Amino acid sequence: MRINEVLIKPVVTEKAMDLYNREGKYTFEVDLWASKKDVKKAMKEVFDVEIEDVKIIVLPGKKRRVTKTSLFTTTQMKKKAIFKLKKGKLDIYQG
């Protein structure tokens, strides 16, 4: 897997911001096929930081109604990586 395909975007929600402010952990949406090693390698090459810990969460797709009848579809699955840096900071949540 290529480095530029692993990290999709930072997650900027109330819960992610609270996790950053309380514990200094960052949250990124990553590719479904990315592993912990891929995330560590991508963060090191893109942001030039050392990562202490990585946790991966797979979010299943949600069932959504398409029409007024009983026709349903499912949204796409997502994968998030929550990680903590050994030292330093990223400027993704400022501004």
N, C-alpha and C. Protein backbone atom coordinates (compact mmCIF):
# COMPACT_ATOMS: atom_id res chain seq x y z
N MET A 1 0.84 -1.18 0.00
CA MET A 1 0.00 0.00 0.00
C MET A 1 0.89 1.24 0.00
N ARG A 2 0.53 2.21 -0.85
CA ARG A 2 1.31 3.44 -0.93
C ARG A 2 1.01 4.35 0.25
N ILE A 3 2.01 5.15 0.61
CA ILE A 3 1.90 6.03 1.78
C ILE A 3 0.78 7.05 1.60
N ASN A 4 0.62 7.60 0.39
CA ASN A 4 -0.38 8.63 0.19
C ASN A 4 -1.81 8.08 0.17
N GLU A 5 -1.99 6.77 0.19
CA GLU A 5 -3.32 6.16 0.23
C GLU A 5 -3.76 5.80 1.64
N VAL A 6 -2.86 5.78 2.59
CA VAL A 6 -3.18 5.31 3.94
C VAL A 6 -4.01 6.34 4.70
N LEU A 7 -3.51 7.55 4.85
CA LEU A 7 -4.21 8.60 5.59
C LEU A 7 -5.20 9.31 4.67
N ILE A 8 -6.47 9.34 5.06
CA ILE A 8 -7.48 9.98 4.24
C ILE A 8 -7.70 11.42 4.70
N LYS A 9 -8.10 11.60 5.97
CA LYS A 9 -8.32 12.95 6.49
C LYS A 9 -8.37 12.90 8.01
N PRO A 10 -8.08 14.03 8.67
CA PRO A 10 -8.24 14.07 10.12
C PRO A 10 -9.72 14.14 10.47
N VAL A 11 -10.08 13.55 11.60
CA VAL A 11 -11.46 13.58 12.07
C VAL A 11 -11.60 14.77 13.01
N VAL A 12 -12.50 15.69 12.68
CA VAL A 12 -12.71 16.89 13.49
C VAL A 12 -14.15 16.86 14.00
N THR A 13 -14.36 16.15 15.09
CA THR A 13 -15.66 16.08 15.76
C THR A 13 -15.46 16.51 17.20
N GLU A 14 -16.56 16.68 17.91
CA GLU A 14 -16.46 17.07 19.32
C GLU A 14 -15.71 16.01 20.13
N LYS A 15 -16.01 14.75 19.87
CA LYS A 15 -15.36 13.67 20.61
C LYS A 15 -13.86 13.61 20.30
N ALA A 16 -13.48 13.79 19.03
CA ALA A 16 -12.07 13.78 18.66
C ALA A 16 -11.33 14.97 19.26
N MET A 17 -11.96 16.13 19.28
CA MET A 17 -11.33 17.31 19.86
C MET A 17 -11.18 17.16 21.37
N ASP A 18 -12.17 16.57 22.02
CA ASP A 18 -12.09 16.34 23.46
C ASP A 18 -10.97 15.36 23.78
N LEU A 19 -10.82 14.32 22.96
CA LEU A 19 -9.74 13.35 23.13
C LEU A 19 -8.38 14.01 22.95
N TYR A 20 -8.29 14.94 22.01
CA TYR A 20 -7.04 15.67 21.78
C TYR A 20 -6.73 16.58 22.97
N ASN A 21 -7.73 17.31 23.46
CA ASN A 21 -7.51 18.26 24.55
C ASN A 21 -7.20 17.57 25.87
N ARG A 22 -7.85 16.43 26.16
CA ARG A 22 -7.64 15.75 27.44
C ARG A 22 -6.40 14.86 27.44
N GLU A 23 -6.19 14.09 26.36
CA GLU A 23 -5.14 13.08 26.37
C GLU A 23 -4.05 13.29 25.32
N GLY A 24 -4.22 14.28 24.46
CA GLY A 24 -3.21 14.53 23.43
C GLY A 24 -3.22 13.50 22.32
N LYS A 25 -4.36 12.89 22.05
CA LYS A 25 -4.46 11.86 21.00
C LYS A 25 -5.10 12.45 19.76
N TYR A 26 -4.61 12.02 18.60
CA TYR A 26 -5.08 12.49 17.31
C TYR A 26 -5.92 11.39 16.66
N THR A 27 -6.91 11.80 15.86
CA THR A 27 -7.78 10.85 15.19
C THR A 27 -7.76 11.13 13.69
N PHE A 28 -7.50 10.08 12.91
CA PHE A 28 -7.49 10.17 11.46
C PHE A 28 -8.38 9.09 10.87
N GLU A 29 -9.03 9.40 9.76
CA GLU A 29 -9.71 8.38 8.99
C GLU A 29 -8.65 7.77 8.07
N VAL A 30 -8.59 6.44 8.05
CA VAL A 30 -7.58 5.75 7.26
C VAL A 30 -8.25 4.78 6.28
N ASP A 31 -7.46 4.25 5.37
CA ASP A 31 -7.96 3.29 4.39
C ASP A 31 -8.40 2.00 5.09
N LEU A 32 -9.41 1.34 4.54
CA LEU A 32 -9.93 0.12 5.15
C LEU A 32 -8.90 -1.01 5.21
N TRP A 33 -7.95 -1.02 4.30
CA TRP A 33 -6.96 -2.09 4.25
C TRP A 33 -5.67 -1.72 4.97
N ALA A 34 -5.60 -0.56 5.60
CA ALA A 34 -4.38 -0.13 6.30
C ALA A 34 -4.26 -0.82 7.66
N SER A 35 -3.05 -1.21 8.00
CA SER A 35 -2.78 -1.83 9.29
C SER A 35 -2.13 -0.81 10.22
N LYS A 36 -1.87 -1.21 11.46
CA LYS A 36 -1.21 -0.32 12.41
C LYS A 36 0.19 0.06 11.91
N LYS A 37 0.89 -0.91 11.33
CA LYS A 37 2.23 -0.63 10.81
C LYS A 37 2.18 0.37 9.66
N ASP A 38 1.17 0.24 8.79
CA ASP A 38 1.02 1.18 7.68
C ASP A 38 0.76 2.60 8.20
N VAL A 39 -0.08 2.72 9.23
CA VAL A 39 -0.40 4.04 9.79
C VAL A 39 0.84 4.66 10.42
N LYS A 40 1.60 3.88 11.18
CA LYS A 40 2.83 4.41 11.79
C LYS A 40 3.82 4.88 10.74
N LYS A 41 3.98 4.07 9.69
CA LYS A 41 4.93 4.41 8.63
C LYS A 41 4.48 5.68 7.89
N ALA A 42 3.20 5.80 7.61
CA ALA A 42 2.68 6.97 6.90
C ALA A 42 2.83 8.23 7.73
N MET A 43 2.53 8.15 9.02
CA MET A 43 2.66 9.32 9.89
C MET A 43 4.11 9.76 10.00
N LYS A 44 5.03 8.80 10.08
CA LYS A 44 6.45 9.13 10.17
C LYS A 44 6.92 9.83 8.91
N GLU A 45 6.49 9.35 7.74
CA GLU A 45 6.95 9.95 6.50
C GLU A 45 6.25 11.27 6.17
N VAL A 46 4.97 11.38 6.46
CA VAL A 46 4.23 12.59 6.10
C VAL A 46 4.50 13.73 7.08
N PHE A 47 4.41 13.45 8.40
CA PHE A 47 4.53 14.50 9.40
C PHE A 47 5.87 14.49 10.14
N ASP A 48 6.73 13.49 9.91
CA ASP A 48 8.04 13.37 10.54
C ASP A 48 7.93 13.38 12.08
N VAL A 49 7.08 12.48 12.62
CA VAL A 49 6.89 12.35 14.06
C VAL A 49 7.00 10.88 14.46
N GLU A 50 7.30 10.65 15.73
CA GLU A 50 7.34 9.30 16.28
C GLU A 50 6.03 9.01 17.00
N ILE A 51 5.46 7.85 16.76
CA ILE A 51 4.18 7.49 17.35
C ILE A 51 4.40 6.50 18.48
N GLU A 52 3.75 6.78 19.62
CA GLU A 52 3.86 5.93 20.79
C GLU A 52 2.87 4.77 20.73
N ASP A 53 1.61 5.05 20.38
CA ASP A 53 0.56 4.04 20.43
C ASP A 53 -0.46 4.29 19.33
N VAL A 54 -0.95 3.21 18.71
CA VAL A 54 -1.99 3.32 17.67
C VAL A 54 -3.12 2.37 18.02
N LYS A 55 -4.34 2.88 17.92
CA LYS A 55 -5.53 2.05 18.09
C LYS A 55 -6.36 2.20 16.83
N ILE A 56 -6.89 1.09 16.33
CA ILE A 56 -7.67 1.08 15.09
C ILE A 56 -9.12 0.72 15.42
N ILE A 57 -10.05 1.48 14.83
CA ILE A 57 -11.48 1.23 15.03
C ILE A 57 -12.12 1.08 13.66
N VAL A 58 -12.88 0.00 13.47
CA VAL A 58 -13.62 -0.21 12.23
C VAL A 58 -15.08 0.11 12.51
N LEU A 59 -15.62 1.08 11.76
CA LEU A 59 -17.01 1.49 11.93
C LEU A 59 -17.85 0.85 10.83
N PRO A 60 -18.84 0.03 11.18
CA PRO A 60 -19.67 -0.60 10.15
C PRO A 60 -20.59 0.42 9.49
N GLY A 61 -21.04 0.10 8.28
CA GLY A 61 -21.96 0.98 7.57
C GLY A 61 -23.32 1.00 8.26
N LYS A 62 -24.04 2.10 8.09
CA LYS A 62 -25.36 2.24 8.70
C LYS A 62 -26.44 1.98 7.66
N LYS A 63 -27.56 1.47 8.13
CA LYS A 63 -28.69 1.19 7.27
C LYS A 63 -29.49 2.48 7.06
N ARG A 64 -29.73 2.86 5.82
CA ARG A 64 -30.46 4.08 5.49
C ARG A 64 -31.63 3.75 4.58
N ARG A 65 -32.74 4.46 4.76
CA ARG A 65 -33.91 4.28 3.91
C ARG A 65 -33.73 5.09 2.63
N VAL A 66 -34.03 4.47 1.50
CA VAL A 66 -33.90 5.14 0.21
C VAL A 66 -35.24 5.74 -0.23
N THR A 67 -36.30 4.99 -0.09
CA THR A 67 -37.63 5.45 -0.49
C THR A 67 -38.60 5.32 0.68
N LYS A 68 -39.83 5.71 0.45
CA LYS A 68 -40.84 5.60 1.51
C LYS A 68 -41.25 4.16 1.74
N THR A 69 -41.03 3.31 0.75
CA THR A 69 -41.32 1.89 0.94
C THR A 69 -40.18 1.25 1.70
N SER A 70 -40.14 -0.02 1.74
CA SER A 70 -39.13 -0.71 2.55
C SER A 70 -37.84 -0.99 1.79
N LEU A 71 -37.34 -0.02 1.02
CA LEU A 71 -36.10 -0.18 0.29
C LEU A 71 -34.98 0.49 1.09
N PHE A 72 -33.97 -0.29 1.46
CA PHE A 72 -32.87 0.21 2.27
C PHE A 72 -31.54 0.03 1.55
N THR A 73 -30.57 0.82 1.95
CA THR A 73 -29.21 0.68 1.47
C THR A 73 -28.28 0.84 2.67
N THR A 74 -27.04 0.51 2.50
CA THR A 74 -26.08 0.60 3.59
C THR A 74 -24.97 1.58 3.21
N THR A 75 -24.59 2.46 4.13
CA THR A 75 -23.49 3.39 3.88
C THR A 75 -22.17 2.64 3.95
N GLN A 76 -21.12 3.29 3.51
CA GLN A 76 -19.81 2.67 3.46
C GLN A 76 -19.20 2.47 4.84
N MET A 77 -18.42 1.41 4.99
CA MET A 77 -17.66 1.19 6.23
C MET A 77 -16.53 2.22 6.29
N LYS A 78 -16.10 2.54 7.51
CA LYS A 78 -14.98 3.46 7.71
C LYS A 78 -14.02 2.86 8.72
N LYS A 79 -12.80 3.33 8.68
CA LYS A 79 -11.79 2.89 9.63
C LYS A 79 -11.09 4.12 10.17
N LYS A 80 -10.97 4.19 11.51
CA LYS A 80 -10.31 5.32 12.15
C LYS A 80 -9.08 4.82 12.91
N ALA A 81 -8.07 5.66 12.96
CA ALA A 81 -6.87 5.39 13.73
C ALA A 81 -6.73 6.49 14.77
N ILE A 82 -6.59 6.09 16.03
CA ILE A 82 -6.36 7.02 17.13
C ILE A 82 -4.94 6.77 17.61
N PHE A 83 -4.12 7.80 17.62
CA PHE A 83 -2.73 7.59 18.01
C PHE A 83 -2.23 8.73 18.88
N LYS A 84 -1.17 8.40 19.63
CA LYS A 84 -0.53 9.36 20.53
C LYS A 84 0.93 9.48 20.13
N LEU A 85 1.43 10.72 20.13
CA LEU A 85 2.82 10.97 19.76
C LEU A 85 3.74 10.80 20.97
N LYS A 86 4.99 10.40 20.71
CA LYS A 86 5.98 10.30 21.79
C LYS A 86 6.34 11.69 22.29
N LYS A 87 6.57 12.63 21.36
CA LYS A 87 6.84 14.01 21.75
C LYS A 87 6.51 14.89 20.55
N GLY A 88 6.25 16.15 20.82
CA GLY A 88 5.91 17.08 19.76
C GLY A 88 4.41 17.20 19.55
N LYS A 89 4.03 18.00 18.57
CA LYS A 89 2.62 18.23 18.27
C LYS A 89 2.44 18.33 16.77
N LEU A 90 1.21 18.10 16.33
CA LEU A 90 0.82 18.35 14.94
C LEU A 90 -0.07 19.58 14.92
N ASP A 91 -0.03 20.34 13.85
CA ASP A 91 -0.83 21.55 13.76
C ASP A 91 -2.08 21.33 12.91
N ILE A 92 -2.70 20.18 13.03
CA ILE A 92 -3.88 19.90 12.20
C ILE A 92 -5.16 20.45 12.82
N TYR A 93 -5.21 20.64 14.14
CA TYR A 93 -6.43 21.10 14.79
C TYR A 93 -6.42 22.60 15.09
N GLN A 94 -5.31 23.30 14.84
CA GLN A 94 -5.22 24.73 15.11
C GLN A 94 -5.74 25.49 13.90
N GLY A 95 -6.47 26.57 14.16
CA GLY A 95 -6.91 27.45 13.09
C GLY A 95 -8.16 27.06 12.52
